[in-house]
Amino acid sequence: MAPLPDGVAWQGAARILSGLLEARTGQILSEGRAWRMETALRPVIRTHNLRDIDDLAAQVVGKRNAALEEDVVNALLNNESSFFRDLQVFDMVHRQILPHIQQERSDRTLRIWSAGCSTGQEAYSLAIRMRNDAARWQGWRIEILATDISTAAIDQARSGVFSQMDVQRGLSVGDLLKWFEPHGDDWRASAELRRMIDFRRDNLFDPRAPSGEYDLLLCRNVLLYFTPERRQAVLHLLARHSHANSVLLLGAGETVIGQGDDFVPHAEFRGGYACKALQPDCAGGAIRRVC
């Protein structure tokens, strides 16, 4: 493949392709990701028998090839993930947040939404913790929805197949042997784990998958790729699917502060957020839902 062209030609191709990503997903390419664009798109260029990134951009503009556009978007999305990423978050969920939710749910139903789930490690990590504590959840109905805009990521997540390198990132040997089985050179999550999670391809700006309210919402390392306006739109969506006792978890570098008024820092869980769902009415009387 010819080396990357310098100057105006490269900048024009980059604008076209990053514009496609933003239009489809709302994500803005950071400077660091933009400069790695050619590397990310090399398999797409090869698969579609194109010459270089300029040829790819020209095809996107001129051909309206849906399959090609989907491949470009999948290649440019950041699907970085790992099992039990930020372990202290999962410890807090297991030891504090879920016991708190259990006390509040008289109907013995637990609903979790992993938004921007990438290739599924976050959702599988939650499922593993819950199956390892099966006695606590006996008699409960557990629903885990995991969504992502990347078709490639969701396909992998749904298959439950992970490479040796993937399972070595955050997964203990005990959990690997208990909940995964060899799959050629890879490992596959057990059928029991896969049945616990509803993986769906969905767009946070045109959502179809979530329904009703969720007790625990995770949208970690997703907002940082959006403009402030789109962050507020996502938080408003998450608020619509929350209730007064819901807990929202964001990534370590993300916050709701300055991003609208749908959520406030949680009073009990460090790094968690609560929906600003209940407010006194204008007369100072009954409590009403506002989010």
Protein backbone atom coordinates (compact mmCIF):
# COMPACT_ATOMS: atom_id res chain seq x y z
CA MET A 1 0.00 0.00 0.00
CA ALA A 2 1.24 3.46 -0.84
CA PRO A 3 2.28 5.61 2.14
CA LEU A 4 -0.11 8.19 3.50
CA PRO A 5 -0.22 11.35 1.36
CA ASP A 6 0.65 14.58 3.09
CA GLY A 7 -1.21 17.86 3.14
CA VAL A 8 -4.54 18.70 1.64
CA ALA A 9 -5.38 15.29 0.14
CA TRP A 10 -4.96 13.45 3.45
CA GLN A 11 -6.84 16.12 5.38
CA GLY A 12 -9.73 15.96 2.94
CA ALA A 13 -9.99 12.17 3.17
CA ALA A 14 -9.76 12.31 6.96
CA ARG A 15 -12.55 14.89 7.14
CA ILE A 16 -14.83 12.79 4.95
CA LEU A 17 -14.29 9.59 6.91
CA SER A 18 -14.41 11.19 10.36
CA GLY A 19 -17.55 13.02 9.21
CA LEU A 20 -19.12 9.66 8.34
CA LEU A 21 -18.29 8.37 11.81
CA GLU A 22 -19.79 11.43 13.49
CA ALA A 23 -22.94 11.31 11.36
CA ARG A 24 -23.53 7.62 12.13
CA THR A 25 -22.48 7.48 15.78
CA GLY A 26 -22.08 11.01 17.16
CA GLN A 27 -18.44 10.27 17.97
CA ILE A 28 -15.73 12.86 17.37
CA LEU A 29 -12.31 11.50 16.49
CA SER A 30 -9.68 12.76 18.88
CA GLU A 31 -6.40 13.95 17.38
CA GLY A 32 -4.66 10.79 18.49
CA ARG A 33 -7.27 8.52 16.93
CA ALA A 34 -7.35 10.61 13.74
CA TRP A 35 -3.65 10.06 13.15
CA ARG A 36 -4.15 6.30 13.56
CA MET A 37 -6.97 6.35 11.03
CA GLU A 38 -4.98 4.81 8.20
CA THR A 39 -3.89 1.88 10.34
CA ALA A 40 -7.45 1.24 11.50
CA LEU A 41 -8.79 1.41 7.93
CA ARG A 42 -6.10 -0.71 6.27
CA PRO A 43 -8.16 -3.94 6.50
CA VAL A 44 -11.18 -2.14 4.99
CA ILE A 45 -9.09 -0.80 2.12
CA ARG A 46 -7.69 -4.27 1.48
CA THR A 47 -11.06 -6.06 1.71
CA HIS A 48 -12.72 -3.68 -0.76
CA ASN A 49 -9.77 -3.75 -3.19
CA LEU A 50 -9.09 -0.03 -2.92
CA ARG A 51 -5.77 1.74 -3.48
CA ASP A 52 -5.47 3.96 -0.45
CA ILE A 53 -7.36 6.14 1.98
CA ASP A 54 -8.11 8.75 -0.71
CA ASP A 55 -9.71 6.06 -2.86
CA LEU A 56 -11.72 4.93 0.16
CA ALA A 57 -12.98 8.45 0.84
CA ALA A 58 -13.92 8.86 -2.83
CA GLN A 59 -15.91 5.63 -2.71
CA VAL A 60 -17.75 6.78 0.41
CA VAL A 61 -18.68 10.08 -1.22
CA GLY A 62 -19.56 8.77 -4.66
CA LYS A 63 -20.91 5.23 -4.35
CA ARG A 64 -23.21 5.24 -1.30
CA ASN A 65 -22.11 1.70 -0.57
CA ALA A 66 -23.85 0.71 2.67
CA ALA A 67 -21.57 -2.26 3.35
CA LEU A 68 -18.46 -0.17 2.83
CA GLU A 69 -19.75 2.61 5.08
CA GLU A 70 -20.57 0.07 7.80
CA ASP A 71 -17.06 -1.36 7.58
CA VAL A 72 -15.53 2.12 7.85
CA VAL A 73 -17.60 2.97 10.92
CA ASN A 74 -16.80 -0.35 12.62
CA ALA A 75 -13.08 0.16 11.94
CA LEU A 76 -13.02 3.69 13.36
CA LEU A 77 -14.98 2.94 16.52
CA ASN A 78 -12.89 2.48 19.64
CA ASN A 79 -13.81 -0.99 20.90
CA GLU A 80 -11.23 -1.07 23.68
CA SER A 81 -12.51 -3.19 26.56
CA SER A 82 -11.38 -5.76 29.10
CA PHE A 83 -12.81 -7.99 31.78
CA PHE A 84 -13.37 -6.30 35.15
CA ARG A 85 -11.98 -3.05 33.81
CA ASP A 86 -11.40 -0.73 36.79
CA LEU A 87 -11.78 -3.56 39.29
CA GLN A 88 -12.74 -1.23 42.12
CA VAL A 89 -15.91 -0.34 40.21
CA PHE A 90 -16.98 -3.99 40.07
CA ASP A 91 -16.12 -4.43 43.75
CA MET A 92 -18.37 -1.46 44.59
CA VAL A 93 -21.16 -2.86 42.41
CA HIS A 94 -20.90 -6.28 44.05
CA ARG A 95 -20.44 -5.20 47.67
CA GLN A 96 -22.47 -1.99 47.87
CA ILE A 97 -24.68 -1.11 44.90
CA LEU A 98 -26.35 -4.47 44.25
CA PRO A 99 -27.13 -5.12 47.94
CA HIS A 100 -28.64 -1.62 48.06
CA ILE A 101 -30.78 -2.38 45.01
CA GLN A 102 -31.91 -5.70 46.52
CA GLN A 103 -33.29 -3.89 49.53
CA GLU A 104 -35.32 -1.57 47.29
CA ARG A 105 -36.76 -4.11 44.84
CA SER A 106 -39.75 -5.88 46.39
CA ASP A 107 -40.60 -7.56 43.08
CA ARG A 108 -37.23 -9.44 43.04
CA THR A 109 -36.38 -8.15 39.58
CA LEU A 110 -32.99 -6.66 38.75
CA ARG A 111 -32.51 -4.74 35.48
CA ILE A 112 -29.07 -3.66 34.27
CA TRP A 113 -28.15 -1.75 31.12
CA SER A 114 -24.57 -1.71 29.82
CA ALA A 115 -24.65 1.10 27.23
CA GLY A 116 -21.71 1.22 24.83
CA CYS A 117 -20.78 -2.35 25.81
CA SER A 118 -18.19 -2.81 23.03
CA THR A 119 -17.24 -6.50 22.71
CA GLY A 120 -19.09 -7.44 25.87
CA GLN A 121 -16.47 -7.89 28.59
CA GLU A 122 -18.26 -5.49 30.96
CA ALA A 123 -21.55 -7.36 30.70
CA TYR A 124 -19.86 -10.74 31.05
CA SER A 125 -17.96 -9.48 34.10
CA LEU A 126 -21.26 -8.51 35.74
CA ALA A 127 -22.77 -11.88 34.87
CA ILE A 128 -19.76 -13.72 36.31
CA ARG A 129 -19.97 -11.85 39.62
CA MET A 130 -23.67 -12.61 39.88
CA ARG A 131 -23.31 -16.30 39.06
CA ASN A 132 -20.48 -16.58 41.58
CA ASP A 133 -22.95 -15.24 44.14
CA ALA A 134 -25.88 -17.33 42.94
CA ALA A 135 -27.34 -17.96 46.41
CA ARG A 136 -27.95 -14.23 46.88
CA TRP A 137 -29.91 -14.05 43.64
CA GLN A 138 -31.92 -17.24 43.97
CA GLY A 139 -35.52 -16.52 43.01
CA TRP A 140 -34.64 -13.24 41.29
CA ARG A 141 -35.33 -12.35 37.69
CA ILE A 142 -32.14 -10.79 36.29
CA GLU A 143 -32.13 -8.86 33.02
CA ILE A 144 -28.86 -7.58 31.53
CA LEU A 145 -29.17 -5.50 28.37
CA ALA A 146 -25.90 -4.69 26.59
CA THR A 147 -25.90 -2.36 23.59
CA ASP A 148 -23.36 -0.91 21.20
CA ILE A 149 -23.51 0.80 17.82
CA SER A 150 -20.80 -1.40 16.32
CA THR A 151 -22.21 -4.42 14.52
CA ALA A 152 -18.79 -6.11 14.64
CA ALA A 153 -18.48 -5.59 18.40
CA ILE A 154 -21.98 -6.89 19.10
CA ASP A 155 -21.43 -9.93 16.88
CA GLN A 156 -18.32 -10.84 18.87
CA ALA A 157 -20.01 -10.13 22.20
CA ARG A 158 -22.98 -12.30 21.30
CA SER A 159 -20.69 -15.15 20.22
CA GLY A 160 -18.87 -15.02 23.55
CA VAL A 161 -15.55 -15.91 21.88
CA PHE A 162 -12.43 -14.18 23.18
CA SER A 163 -8.76 -14.58 22.38
CA GLN A 164 -6.15 -15.77 24.84
CA MET A 165 -4.95 -12.18 25.16
CA ASP A 166 -8.51 -10.99 25.91
CA VAL A 167 -9.08 -13.45 28.75
CA GLN A 168 -5.68 -12.67 30.26
CA ARG A 169 -6.75 -9.04 30.68
CA GLY A 170 -8.64 -8.93 33.96
CA LEU A 171 -10.10 -12.44 34.11
CA SER A 172 -8.88 -14.67 36.95
CA VAL A 173 -7.77 -18.21 36.20
CA GLY A 174 -10.57 -19.51 38.41
CA ASP A 175 -13.26 -17.60 36.54
CA LEU A 176 -11.75 -18.55 33.20
CA LEU A 177 -11.85 -22.27 33.97
CA LYS A 178 -15.28 -22.05 35.59
CA TRP A 179 -17.13 -19.93 33.03
CA PHE A 180 -15.27 -20.43 29.73
CA GLU A 181 -14.40 -23.39 27.57
CA PRO A 182 -11.66 -23.83 24.95
CA HIS A 183 -12.74 -22.83 21.46
CA GLY A 184 -9.86 -23.65 19.10
CA ASP A 185 -7.09 -21.25 20.09
CA ASP A 186 -9.65 -19.02 21.84
CA TRP A 187 -12.09 -19.26 24.74
CA ARG A 188 -15.88 -19.13 24.68
CA ALA A 189 -18.17 -17.98 27.47
CA SER A 190 -20.44 -20.72 28.76
CA ALA A 191 -23.98 -20.99 27.46
CA GLU A 192 -25.19 -20.10 30.96
CA LEU A 193 -23.40 -16.75 30.85
CA ARG A 194 -24.47 -16.02 27.29
CA ARG A 195 -28.13 -16.63 28.17
CA MET A 196 -27.95 -14.01 30.91
CA ILE A 197 -27.18 -11.14 28.53
CA ASP A 198 -29.28 -9.62 25.75
CA PHE A 199 -26.73 -8.15 23.32
CA ARG A 200 -28.22 -5.73 20.80
CA ARG A 201 -26.88 -3.34 18.22
CA ASP A 202 -28.34 0.06 19.08
CA ASN A 203 -27.66 3.76 18.63
CA LEU A 204 -27.80 6.01 21.70
CA PHE A 205 -29.13 8.80 19.49
CA ASP A 206 -31.86 6.64 17.95
CA PRO A 207 -32.44 4.03 20.67
CA ARG A 208 -34.69 1.05 20.10
CA ALA A 209 -33.38 -1.56 22.56
CA PRO A 210 -33.90 -0.11 26.07
CA SER A 211 -37.37 -0.22 27.56
CA GLY A 212 -38.70 0.77 30.94
CA GLU A 213 -36.44 1.61 33.86
CA TYR A 214 -33.12 0.09 34.91
CA ASP A 215 -31.71 -0.26 38.41
CA LEU A 216 -28.07 -0.06 37.36
CA LEU A 217 -26.90 1.78 34.25
CA LEU A 218 -23.30 1.67 33.03
CA CYS A 219 -22.17 4.06 30.31
CA ARG A 220 -18.43 4.01 30.88
CA ASN A 221 -15.89 5.65 28.59
CA VAL A 222 -18.58 6.56 26.07
CA LEU A 223 -19.40 10.22 26.73
CA LEU A 224 -15.80 11.36 26.24
CA TYR A 225 -16.14 10.82 22.47
CA PHE A 226 -19.15 13.16 22.14
CA THR A 227 -19.68 16.90 21.93
CA PRO A 228 -21.16 18.56 25.05
CA GLU A 229 -24.56 18.73 23.37
CA ARG A 230 -24.54 15.03 22.57
CA ARG A 231 -23.37 14.17 26.08
CA GLN A 232 -26.42 15.95 27.45
CA ALA A 233 -28.64 14.05 25.01
CA VAL A 234 -27.21 10.70 26.16
CA LEU A 235 -27.58 11.60 29.83
CA HIS A 236 -31.17 12.64 29.19
CA LEU A 237 -31.80 9.25 27.55
CA LEU A 238 -30.28 7.44 30.53
CA ALA A 239 -32.43 9.55 32.88
CA ARG A 240 -35.58 8.54 31.00
CA HIS A 241 -34.72 4.92 31.74
CA SER A 242 -33.93 5.52 35.42
CA HIS A 243 -35.96 5.69 38.59
CA ALA A 244 -35.39 7.34 41.95
CA ASN A 245 -33.15 4.52 43.23
CA SER A 246 -31.21 3.87 40.01
CA VAL A 247 -27.43 4.16 39.99
CA LEU A 248 -25.48 5.40 36.96
CA LEU A 249 -21.78 4.63 36.54
CA LEU A 250 -19.57 6.53 34.09
CA GLY A 251 -15.91 6.14 33.19
CA ALA A 252 -13.16 7.42 35.46
CA GLY A 253 -12.58 10.48 33.28
CA GLU A 254 -16.27 11.33 32.85
CA THR A 255 -18.72 13.36 34.92
CA VAL A 256 -22.26 14.68 34.82
CA ILE A 257 -21.12 18.03 36.22
CA GLY A 258 -21.72 20.73 33.63
CA GLN A 259 -23.62 18.27 31.42
CA GLY A 260 -27.20 19.25 32.15
CA ASP A 261 -29.19 18.55 35.28
CA ASP A 262 -30.53 15.02 34.80
CA PHE A 263 -28.11 13.43 37.28
CA VAL A 264 -26.34 14.43 40.47
CA PRO A 265 -23.46 12.74 42.37
CA HIS A 266 -24.79 9.82 44.37
CA ALA A 267 -24.95 10.37 48.11
CA GLU A 268 -23.75 6.85 48.96
CA PHE A 269 -21.64 5.50 46.11
CA ARG A 270 -18.41 7.28 45.26
CA GLY A 271 -18.21 7.86 41.50
CA GLY A 272 -21.87 6.93 41.04
CA TYR A 273 -24.72 9.20 40.02
CA ALA A 274 -28.40 9.38 40.89
CA CYS A 275 -31.18 10.57 38.63
CA LYS A 276 -32.57 13.88 39.76
CA ALA A 277 -35.91 12.17 39.55
CA LEU A 278 -37.81 13.43 42.57
CA GLN A 279 -38.40 17.09 43.28
CA PRO A 280 -40.98 18.96 45.39
CA ASP A 281 -43.79 20.38 43.33
CA CYS A 282 -44.23 24.15 42.98
CA ALA A 283 -46.39 24.35 46.08
CA GLY A 284 -43.83 22.51 48.16
CA GLY A 285 -46.19 19.59 48.55
CA ALA A 286 -46.13 16.16 46.96
CA ILE A 287 -43.01 14.71 45.34
CA ARG A 288 -43.18 14.35 41.60
CA ARG A 289 -41.02 12.73 38.93
CA VAL A 290 -39.27 15.14 36.60
CA CYS A 291 -36.71 13.12 34.62
